[in-house]
PDB file of N, CA and C in Angstrom:
ATOM      1  N   MET A   1       2.077   4.966 -21.202  1.00  0.00           N
ATOM      2  CA  MET A   1       3.168   4.098 -21.608  1.00  0.00           C
ATOM      3  C   MET A   1       4.019   3.804 -20.368  1.00  0.00           C
ATOM      4  N   ARG A   2       4.482   2.591 -20.279  1.00  0.00           N
ATOM      5  CA  ARG A   2       5.301   2.144 -19.154  1.00  0.00           C
ATOM      6  C   ARG A   2       6.650   1.677 -19.696  1.00  0.00           C
ATOM      7  N   VAL A   3       7.732   2.219 -19.143  1.00  0.00           N
ATOM      8  CA  VAL A   3       9.080   1.812 -19.538  1.00  0.00           C
ATOM      9  C   VAL A   3       9.773   1.243 -18.312  1.00  0.00           C
ATOM     10  N   ILE A   4      10.334   0.048 -18.473  1.00  0.00           N
ATOM     11  CA  ILE A   4      10.935  -0.682 -17.363  1.00  0.00           C
ATOM     12  C   ILE A   4      12.351  -1.105 -17.740  1.00  0.00           C
ATOM     13  N   CYS A   5      13.274  -0.890 -16.835  1.00  0.00           N
ATOM     14  CA  CYS A   5      14.640  -1.371 -17.003  1.00  0.00           C
ATOM     15  C   CYS A   5      14.808  -2.583 -16.091  1.00  0.00           C
ATOM     16  N   ILE A   6      15.092  -3.717 -16.678  1.00  0.00           N
ATOM     17  CA  ILE A   6      15.205  -4.967 -15.941  1.00  0.00           C
ATOM     18  C   ILE A   6      16.684  -5.355 -15.898  1.00  0.00           C
ATOM     19  N   TYR A   7      17.211  -5.383 -14.691  1.00  0.00           N
ATOM     20  CA  TYR A   7      18.625  -5.733 -14.528  1.00  0.00           C
ATOM     21  C   TYR A   7      18.880  -6.249 -13.123  1.00  0.00           C
ATOM     22  N   ARG A   8      20.005  -6.929 -12.993  1.00  0.00           N
ATOM     23  CA  ARG A   8      20.405  -7.463 -11.689  1.00  0.00           C
ATOM     24  C   ARG A   8      21.442  -6.543 -11.050  1.00  0.00           C
ATOM     25  N   ASP A   9      21.349  -6.424  -9.742  1.00  0.00           N
ATOM     26  CA  ASP A   9      22.324  -5.658  -8.985  1.00  0.00           C
ATOM     27  C   ASP A   9      23.598  -6.497  -8.833  1.00  0.00           C
ATOM     28  N   LYS A  10      24.721  -5.825  -8.707  1.00  0.00           N
ATOM     29  CA  LYS A  10      26.020  -6.458  -8.467  1.00  0.00           C
ATOM     30  C   LYS A  10      26.483  -7.353  -9.619  1.00  0.00           C
ATOM     31  N   GLU A  11      26.215  -6.908 -10.837  1.00  0.00           N
ATOM     32  CA  GLU A  11      26.736  -7.577 -12.037  1.00  0.00           C
ATOM     33  C   GLU A  11      27.764  -6.651 -12.676  1.00  0.00           C
ATOM     34  N   ASP A  12      28.500  -7.145 -13.648  1.00  0.00           N
ATOM     35  CA  ASP A  12      29.519  -6.313 -14.287  1.00  0.00           C
ATOM     36  C   ASP A  12      28.926  -5.121 -15.037  1.00  0.00           C
ATOM     37  N   TYR A  13      27.670  -5.180 -15.431  1.00  0.00           N
ATOM     38  CA  TYR A  13      27.028  -4.102 -16.172  1.00  0.00           C
ATOM     39  C   TYR A  13      26.240  -3.135 -15.286  1.00  0.00           C
ATOM     40  N   THR A  14      26.091  -3.434 -14.004  1.00  0.00           N
ATOM     41  CA  THR A  14      25.206  -2.668 -13.125  1.00  0.00           C
ATOM     42  C   THR A  14      25.556  -1.189 -13.087  1.00  0.00           C
ATOM     43  N   ARG A  15      26.813  -0.875 -12.944  1.00  0.00           N
ATOM     44  CA  ARG A  15      27.215   0.528 -12.858  1.00  0.00           C
ATOM     45  C   ARG A  15      26.850   1.301 -14.122  1.00  0.00           C
ATOM     46  N   SER A  16      27.086   0.725 -15.285  1.00  0.00           N
ATOM     47  CA  SER A  16      26.766   1.433 -16.527  1.00  0.00           C
ATOM     48  C   SER A  16      25.258   1.629 -16.675  1.00  0.00           C
ATOM     49  N   VAL A  17      24.469   0.652 -16.246  1.00  0.00           N
ATOM     50  CA  VAL A  17      23.015   0.785 -16.313  1.00  0.00           C
ATOM     51  C   VAL A  17      22.543   1.894 -15.376  1.00  0.00           C
ATOM     52  N   GLU A  18      23.051   1.908 -14.155  1.00  0.00           N
ATOM     53  CA  GLU A  18      22.630   2.931 -13.206  1.00  0.00           C
ATOM     54  C   GLU A  18      23.073   4.324 -13.638  1.00  0.00           C
ATOM     55  N   GLU A  19      24.246   4.440 -14.248  1.00  0.00           N
ATOM     56  CA  GLU A  19      24.686   5.727 -14.791  1.00  0.00           C
ATOM     57  C   GLU A  19      23.786   6.155 -15.944  1.00  0.00           C
ATOM     58  N   TRP A  20      23.414   5.214 -16.807  1.00  0.00           N
ATOM     59  CA  TRP A  20      22.520   5.528 -17.921  1.00  0.00           C
ATOM     60  C   TRP A  20      21.161   6.001 -17.391  1.00  0.00           C
ATOM     61  N   LEU A  21      20.622   5.305 -16.384  1.00  0.00           N
ATOM     62  CA  LEU A  21      19.338   5.692 -15.800  1.00  0.00           C
ATOM     63  C   LEU A  21      19.414   7.080 -15.167  1.00  0.00           C
ATOM     64  N   GLU A  22      20.518   7.388 -14.503  1.00  0.00           N
ATOM     65  CA  GLU A  22      20.691   8.716 -13.900  1.00  0.00           C
ATOM     66  C   GLU A  22      20.806   9.788 -14.977  1.00  0.00           C
ATOM     67  N   ASN A  23      21.542   9.519 -16.045  1.00  0.00           N
ATOM     68  CA  ASN A  23      21.626  10.460 -17.168  1.00  0.00           C
ATOM     69  C   ASN A  23      20.254  10.677 -17.792  1.00  0.00           C
ATOM     70  N   PHE A  24      19.500   9.607 -17.943  1.00  0.00           N
ATOM     71  CA  PHE A  24      18.152   9.713 -18.496  1.00  0.00           C
ATOM     72  C   PHE A  24      17.295  10.632 -17.627  1.00  0.00           C
ATOM     73  N   ARG A  25      17.357  10.427 -16.320  1.00  0.00           N
ATOM     74  CA  ARG A  25      16.567  11.244 -15.399  1.00  0.00           C
ATOM     75  C   ARG A  25      16.988  12.714 -15.464  1.00  0.00           C
ATOM     76  N   ARG A  26      18.283  12.972 -15.490  1.00  0.00           N
ATOM     77  CA  ARG A  26      18.771  14.352 -15.533  1.00  0.00           C
ATOM     78  C   ARG A  26      18.397  15.052 -16.831  1.00  0.00           C
ATOM     79  N   GLN A  27      18.486  14.351 -17.944  1.00  0.00           N
ATOM     80  CA  GLN A  27      18.231  14.972 -19.244  1.00  0.00           C
ATOM     81  C   GLN A  27      16.753  15.129 -19.554  1.00  0.00           C
ATOM     82  N   THR A  28      15.919  14.263 -19.000  1.00  0.00           N
ATOM     83  CA  THR A  28      14.502  14.263 -19.375  1.00  0.00           C
ATOM     84  C   THR A  28      13.560  14.618 -18.223  1.00  0.00           C
ATOM     85  N   SER A  29      14.050  14.600 -17.009  1.00  0.00           N
ATOM     86  CA  SER A  29      13.232  14.793 -15.795  1.00  0.00           C
ATOM     87  C   SER A  29      12.163  13.714 -15.653  1.00  0.00           C
ATOM     88  N   ARG A  30      12.427  12.557 -16.223  1.00  0.00           N
ATOM     89  CA  ARG A  30      11.515  11.402 -16.132  1.00  0.00           C
ATOM     90  C   ARG A  30      12.249  10.217 -15.532  1.00  0.00           C
ATOM     91  N   GLU A  31      11.489   9.387 -14.838  1.00  0.00           N
ATOM     92  CA  GLU A  31      12.054   8.191 -14.211  1.00  0.00           C
ATOM     93  C   GLU A  31      11.655   6.950 -15.005  1.00  0.00           C
ATOM     94  N   ILE A  32      12.576   6.022 -15.097  1.00  0.00           N
ATOM     95  CA  ILE A  32      12.296   4.720 -15.684  1.00  0.00           C
ATOM     96  C   ILE A  32      12.156   3.738 -14.528  1.00  0.00           C
ATOM     97  N   GLU A  33      11.115   2.944 -14.585  1.00  0.00           N
ATOM     98  CA  GLU A  33      10.888   1.935 -13.548  1.00  0.00           C
ATOM     99  C   GLU A  33      12.016   0.903 -13.583  1.00  0.00           C
ATOM    100  N   LYS A  34      12.507   0.521 -12.405  1.00  0.00           N
ATOM    101  CA  LYS A  34      13.564  -0.487 -12.299  1.00  0.00           C
ATOM    102  C   LYS A  34      12.947  -1.792 -11.800  1.00  0.00           C
ATOM    103  N   MET A  35      13.470  -2.907 -12.301  1.00  0.00           N
ATOM    104  CA  MET A  35      12.945  -4.202 -11.888  1.00  0.00           C
ATOM    105  C   MET A  35      14.073  -5.217 -11.782  1.00  0.00           C
ATOM    106  N   ASP A  36      14.043  -5.994 -10.716  1.00  0.00           N
ATOM    107  CA  ASP A  36      14.984  -7.091 -10.513  1.00  0.00           C
ATOM    108  C   ASP A  36      14.328  -8.362 -11.057  1.00  0.00           C
ATOM    109  N   PRO A  37      14.948  -9.016 -12.032  1.00  0.00           N
ATOM    110  CA  PRO A  37      14.322 -10.209 -12.621  1.00  0.00           C
ATOM    111  C   PRO A  37      14.158 -11.355 -11.638  1.00  0.00           C
ATOM    112  N   ASP A  38      14.997 -11.393 -10.608  1.00  0.00           N
ATOM    113  CA  ASP A  38      14.888 -12.465  -9.623  1.00  0.00           C
ATOM    114  C   ASP A  38      13.679 -12.285  -8.708  1.00  0.00           C
ATOM    115  N   ARG A  39      13.213 -11.074  -8.577  1.00  0.00           N
ATOM    116  CA  ARG A  39      12.021 -10.805  -7.754  1.00  0.00           C
ATOM    117  C   ARG A  39      10.737 -10.835  -8.572  1.00  0.00           C
ATOM    118  N   ASN A  40      10.877 -10.816  -9.895  1.00  0.00           N
ATOM    119  CA  ASN A  40       9.710 -10.791 -10.787  1.00  0.00           C
ATOM    120  C   ASN A  40       9.860 -11.796 -11.921  1.00  0.00           C
ATOM    121  N   PRO A  41      10.092 -13.060 -11.613  1.00  0.00           N
ATOM    122  CA  PRO A  41      10.329 -14.046 -12.681  1.00  0.00           C
ATOM    123  C   PRO A  41       9.119 -14.247 -13.593  1.00  0.00           C
ATOM    124  N   ASP A  42       7.916 -14.141 -13.065  1.00  0.00           N
ATOM    125  CA  ASP A  42       6.725 -14.328 -13.902  1.00  0.00           C
ATOM    126  C   ASP A  42       6.614 -13.223 -14.945  1.00  0.00           C
ATOM    127  N   PHE A  43       6.903 -11.995 -14.547  1.00  0.00           N
ATOM    128  CA  PHE A  43       6.875 -10.874 -15.481  1.00  0.00           C
ATOM    129  C   PHE A  43       7.869 -11.113 -16.610  1.00  0.00           C
ATOM    130  N   CYS A  44       9.094 -11.497 -16.246  1.00  0.00           N
ATOM    131  CA  CYS A  44      10.138 -11.737 -17.241  1.00  0.00           C
ATOM    132  C   CYS A  44       9.775 -12.892 -18.171  1.00  0.00           C
ATOM    133  N   GLU A  45       9.163 -13.911 -17.630  1.00  0.00           N
ATOM    134  CA  GLU A  45       8.740 -15.041 -18.463  1.00  0.00           C
ATOM    135  C   GLU A  45       7.627 -14.623 -19.422  1.00  0.00           C
ATOM    136  N   THR A  46       6.690 -13.839 -18.938  1.00  0.00           N
ATOM    137  CA  THR A  46       5.581 -13.370 -19.774  1.00  0.00           C
ATOM    138  C   THR A  46       6.085 -12.598 -20.986  1.00  0.00           C
ATOM    139  N   TYR A  47       7.073 -11.741 -20.771  1.00  0.00           N
ATOM    140  CA  TYR A  47       7.591 -10.894 -21.851  1.00  0.00           C
ATOM    141  C   TYR A  47       8.870 -11.432 -22.476  1.00  0.00           C
ATOM    142  N   ASP A  48       9.233 -12.678 -22.161  1.00  0.00           N
ATOM    143  CA  ASP A  48      10.386 -13.363 -22.748  1.00  0.00           C
ATOM    144  C   ASP A  48      11.679 -12.566 -22.554  1.00  0.00           C
ATOM    145  N   ILE A  49      11.870 -12.065 -21.345  1.00  0.00           N
ATOM    146  CA  ILE A  49      13.089 -11.335 -21.006  1.00  0.00           C
ATOM    147  C   ILE A  49      14.063 -12.327 -20.387  1.00  0.00           C
ATOM    148  N   VAL A  50      15.123 -12.642 -21.123  1.00  0.00           N
ATOM    149  CA  VAL A  50      16.115 -13.610 -20.646  1.00  0.00           C
ATOM    150  C   VAL A  50      17.532 -13.038 -20.682  1.00  0.00           C
ATOM    151  N   GLU A  51      17.684 -11.837 -21.218  1.00  0.00           N
ATOM    152  CA  GLU A  51      18.993 -11.193 -21.307  1.00  0.00           C
ATOM    153  C   GLU A  51      18.935  -9.894 -20.521  1.00  0.00           C
ATOM    154  N   TYR A  52      19.980  -9.654 -19.738  1.00  0.00           N
ATOM    155  CA  TYR A  52      19.998  -8.472 -18.884  1.00  0.00           C
ATOM    156  C   TYR A  52      21.250  -7.663 -19.157  1.00  0.00           C
ATOM    157  N   PRO A  53      21.147  -6.365 -19.125  1.00  0.00           N
ATOM    158  CA  PRO A  53      19.945  -5.590 -18.867  1.00  0.00           C
ATOM    159  C   PRO A  53      19.023  -5.574 -20.080  1.00  0.00           C
ATOM    160  N   SER A  54      17.752  -5.334 -19.825  1.00  0.00           N
ATOM    161  CA  SER A  54      16.755  -5.148 -20.875  1.00  0.00           C
ATOM    162  C   SER A  54      15.902  -3.945 -20.512  1.00  0.00           C
ATOM    163  N   ILE A  55      15.507  -3.200 -21.528  1.00  0.00           N
ATOM    164  CA  ILE A  55      14.580  -2.093 -21.342  1.00  0.00           C
ATOM    165  C   ILE A  55      13.356  -2.410 -22.181  1.00  0.00           C
ATOM    166  N   LEU A  56      12.201  -2.319 -21.544  1.00  0.00           N
ATOM    167  CA  LEU A  56      10.947  -2.741 -22.153  1.00  0.00           C
ATOM    168  C   LEU A  56       9.971  -1.568 -22.143  1.00  0.00           C
ATOM    169  N   ALA A  57       9.392  -1.254 -23.284  1.00  0.00           N
ATOM    170  CA  ALA A  57       8.359  -0.218 -23.380  1.00  0.00           C
ATOM    171  C   ALA A  57       7.030  -0.913 -23.645  1.00  0.00           C
ATOM    172  N   LEU A  58       6.072  -0.704 -22.752  1.00  0.00           N
ATOM    173  CA  LEU A  58       4.749  -1.320 -22.856  1.00  0.00           C
ATOM    174  C   LEU A  58       3.696  -0.243 -23.023  1.00  0.00           C
ATOM    175  N   ASP A  59       2.676  -0.518 -23.846  1.00  0.00           N
ATOM    176  CA  ASP A  59       1.568   0.424 -23.943  1.00  0.00           C
ATOM    177  C   ASP A  59       0.618   0.197 -22.767  1.00  0.00           C
ATOM    178  N   ASN A  60      -0.450   0.965 -22.717  1.00  0.00           N
ATOM    179  CA  ASN A  60      -1.368   0.896 -21.578  1.00  0.00           C
ATOM    180  C   ASN A  60      -2.081  -0.447 -21.457  1.00  0.00           C
ATOM    181  N   ALA A  61      -2.145  -1.206 -22.548  1.00  0.00           N
ATOM    182  CA  ALA A  61      -2.772  -2.525 -22.519  1.00  0.00           C
ATOM    183  C   ALA A  61      -1.767  -3.630 -22.163  1.00  0.00           C
ATOM    184  N   GLY A  62      -0.497  -3.258 -22.021  1.00  0.00           N
ATOM    185  CA  GLY A  62       0.524  -4.247 -21.681  1.00  0.00           C
ATOM    186  C   GLY A  62       1.210  -4.879 -22.875  1.00  0.00           C
ATOM    187  N   SER A  63       0.942  -4.375 -24.071  1.00  0.00           N
ATOM    188  CA  SER A  63       1.594  -4.897 -25.275  1.00  0.00           C
ATOM    189  C   SER A  63       2.981  -4.266 -25.429  1.00  0.00           C
ATOM    190  N   VAL A  64       3.914  -5.050 -25.911  1.00  0.00           N
ATOM    191  CA  VAL A  64       5.278  -4.568 -26.097  1.00  0.00           C
ATOM    192  C   VAL A  64       5.329  -3.628 -27.296  1.00  0.00           C
ATOM    193  N   ARG A  65       5.848  -2.427 -27.060  1.00  0.00           N
ATOM    194  CA  ARG A  65       6.023  -1.448 -28.128  1.00  0.00           C
ATOM    195  C   ARG A  65       7.469  -1.438 -28.605  1.00  0.00           C
ATOM    196  N   ALA A  66       8.411  -1.680 -27.667  1.00  0.00           N
ATOM    197  CA  ALA A  66       9.836  -1.729 -28.012  1.00  0.00           C
ATOM    198  C   ALA A  66      10.580  -2.475 -26.915  1.00  0.00           C
ATOM    199  N   VAL A  67      11.692  -3.064 -27.304  1.00  0.00           N
ATOM    200  CA  VAL A  67      12.548  -3.747 -26.324  1.00  0.00           C
ATOM    201  C   VAL A  67      14.000  -3.591 -26.767  1.00  0.00           C
ATOM    202  N   TRP A  68      14.857  -3.322 -25.794  1.00  0.00           N
ATOM    203  CA  TRP A  68      16.291  -3.240 -26.016  1.00  0.00           C
ATOM    204  C   TRP A  68      16.933  -4.230 -25.062  1.00  0.00           C
ATOM    205  N   ARG A  69      17.817  -5.054 -25.602  1.00  0.00           N
ATOM    206  CA  ARG A  69      18.439  -6.106 -24.789  1.00  0.00           C
ATOM    207  C   ARG A  69      19.954  -6.004 -24.867  1.00  0.00           C
ATOM    208  N   GLY A  70      20.583  -6.334 -23.757  1.00  0.00           N
ATOM    209  CA  GLY A  70      22.035  -6.421 -23.744  1.00  0.00           C
ATOM    210  C   GLY A  70      22.710  -5.181 -23.191  1.00  0.00           C
ATOM    211  N   LYS A  71      24.019  -5.251 -23.120  1.00  0.00           N
ATOM    212  CA  LYS A  71      24.820  -4.212 -22.486  1.00  0.00           C
ATOM    213  C   LYS A  71      24.905  -2.929 -23.301  1.00  0.00           C
ATOM    214  N   ASP A  72      24.631  -2.999 -24.594  1.00  0.00           N
ATOM    215  CA  ASP A  72      24.621  -1.786 -25.421  1.00  0.00           C
ATOM    216  C   ASP A  72      23.284  -1.085 -25.226  1.00  0.00           C
ATOM    217  N   LEU A  73      23.279  -0.108 -24.340  1.00  0.00           N
ATOM    218  CA  LEU A  73      22.037   0.581 -23.999  1.00  0.00           C
ATOM    219  C   LEU A  73      21.617   1.523 -25.120  1.00  0.00           C
ATOM    220  N   PRO A  74      20.325   1.748 -25.271  1.00  0.00           N
ATOM    221  CA  PRO A  74      19.832   2.594 -26.359  1.00  0.00           C
ATOM    222  C   PRO A  74      20.126   4.072 -26.104  1.00  0.00           C
ATOM    223  N   LEU A  75      19.916   4.873 -27.134  1.00  0.00           N
ATOM    224  CA  LEU A  75      20.004   6.315 -26.965  1.00  0.00           C
ATOM    225  C   LEU A  75      18.845   6.788 -26.101  1.00  0.00           C
ATOM    226  N   ILE A  76      19.087   7.822 -25.341  1.00  0.00           N
ATOM    227  CA  ILE A  76      18.052   8.353 -24.461  1.00  0.00           C
ATOM    228  C   ILE A  76      16.823   8.772 -25.259  1.00  0.00           C
ATOM    229  N   ASP A  77      17.019   9.394 -26.422  1.00  0.00           N
ATOM    230  CA  ASP A  77      15.889   9.833 -27.254  1.00  0.00           C
ATOM    231  C   ASP A  77      15.040   8.667 -27.746  1.00  0.00           C
ATOM    232  N   GLU A  78      15.681   7.531 -28.001  1.00  0.00           N
ATOM    233  CA  GLU A  78      14.927   6.355 -28.452  1.00  0.00           C
ATOM    234  C   GLU A  78      13.936   5.898 -27.398  1.00  0.00           C
ATOM    235  N   VAL A  79      14.362   5.914 -26.141  1.00  0.00           N
ATOM    236  CA  VAL A  79      13.492   5.476 -25.053  1.00  0.00           C
ATOM    237  C   VAL A  79      12.474   6.563 -24.726  1.00  0.00           C
ATOM    238  N   LEU A  80      12.908   7.801 -24.720  1.00  0.00           N
ATOM    239  CA  LEU A  80      12.005   8.908 -24.406  1.00  0.00           C
ATOM    240  C   LEU A  80      10.813   8.949 -25.352  1.00  0.00           C
ATOM    241  N   TYR A  81      11.010   8.588 -26.599  1.00  0.00           N
ATOM    242  CA  TYR A  81       9.925   8.563 -27.591  1.00  0.00           C
ATOM    243  C   TYR A  81       8.725   7.769 -27.073  1.00  0.00           C
ATOM    244  N   TYR A  82       8.975   6.681 -26.373  1.00  0.00           N
ATOM    245  CA  TYR A  82       7.893   5.820 -25.893  1.00  0.00           C
ATOM    246  C   TYR A  82       7.283   6.311 -24.587  1.00  0.00           C
ATOM    247  N   MET A  83       7.844   7.355 -24.011  1.00  0.00           N
ATOM    248  CA  MET A  83       7.303   7.897 -22.769  1.00  0.00           C
ATOM    249  C   MET A  83       6.457   9.147 -23.010  1.00  0.00           C
ATOM    250  N   ILE A  84       6.480   9.648 -24.221  1.00  0.00           N
ATOM    251  CA  ILE A  84       5.741  10.885 -24.522  1.00  0.00           C
ATOM    252  C   ILE A  84       4.351  10.562 -25.029  1.00  0.00           C
TER     253      ILE A  84
END
């Protein structure tokens, strides 16, 4: 399973996203892949990611298993479920 956090640097939400990612790493000892939508526009278009931040959980075939969009970040356990 692949979990990706897609967000832009230097936005009003950036600090909260980075704090959430650090909390996730500390609590679970797992890393979430980070992606800049401006450097990966084709990826974002493929998965219809137009709102940032977004967290995307993909299975091994690349199918979307879950997606969270917007500044209200999910609970750590919700995301961890897709990494186990």
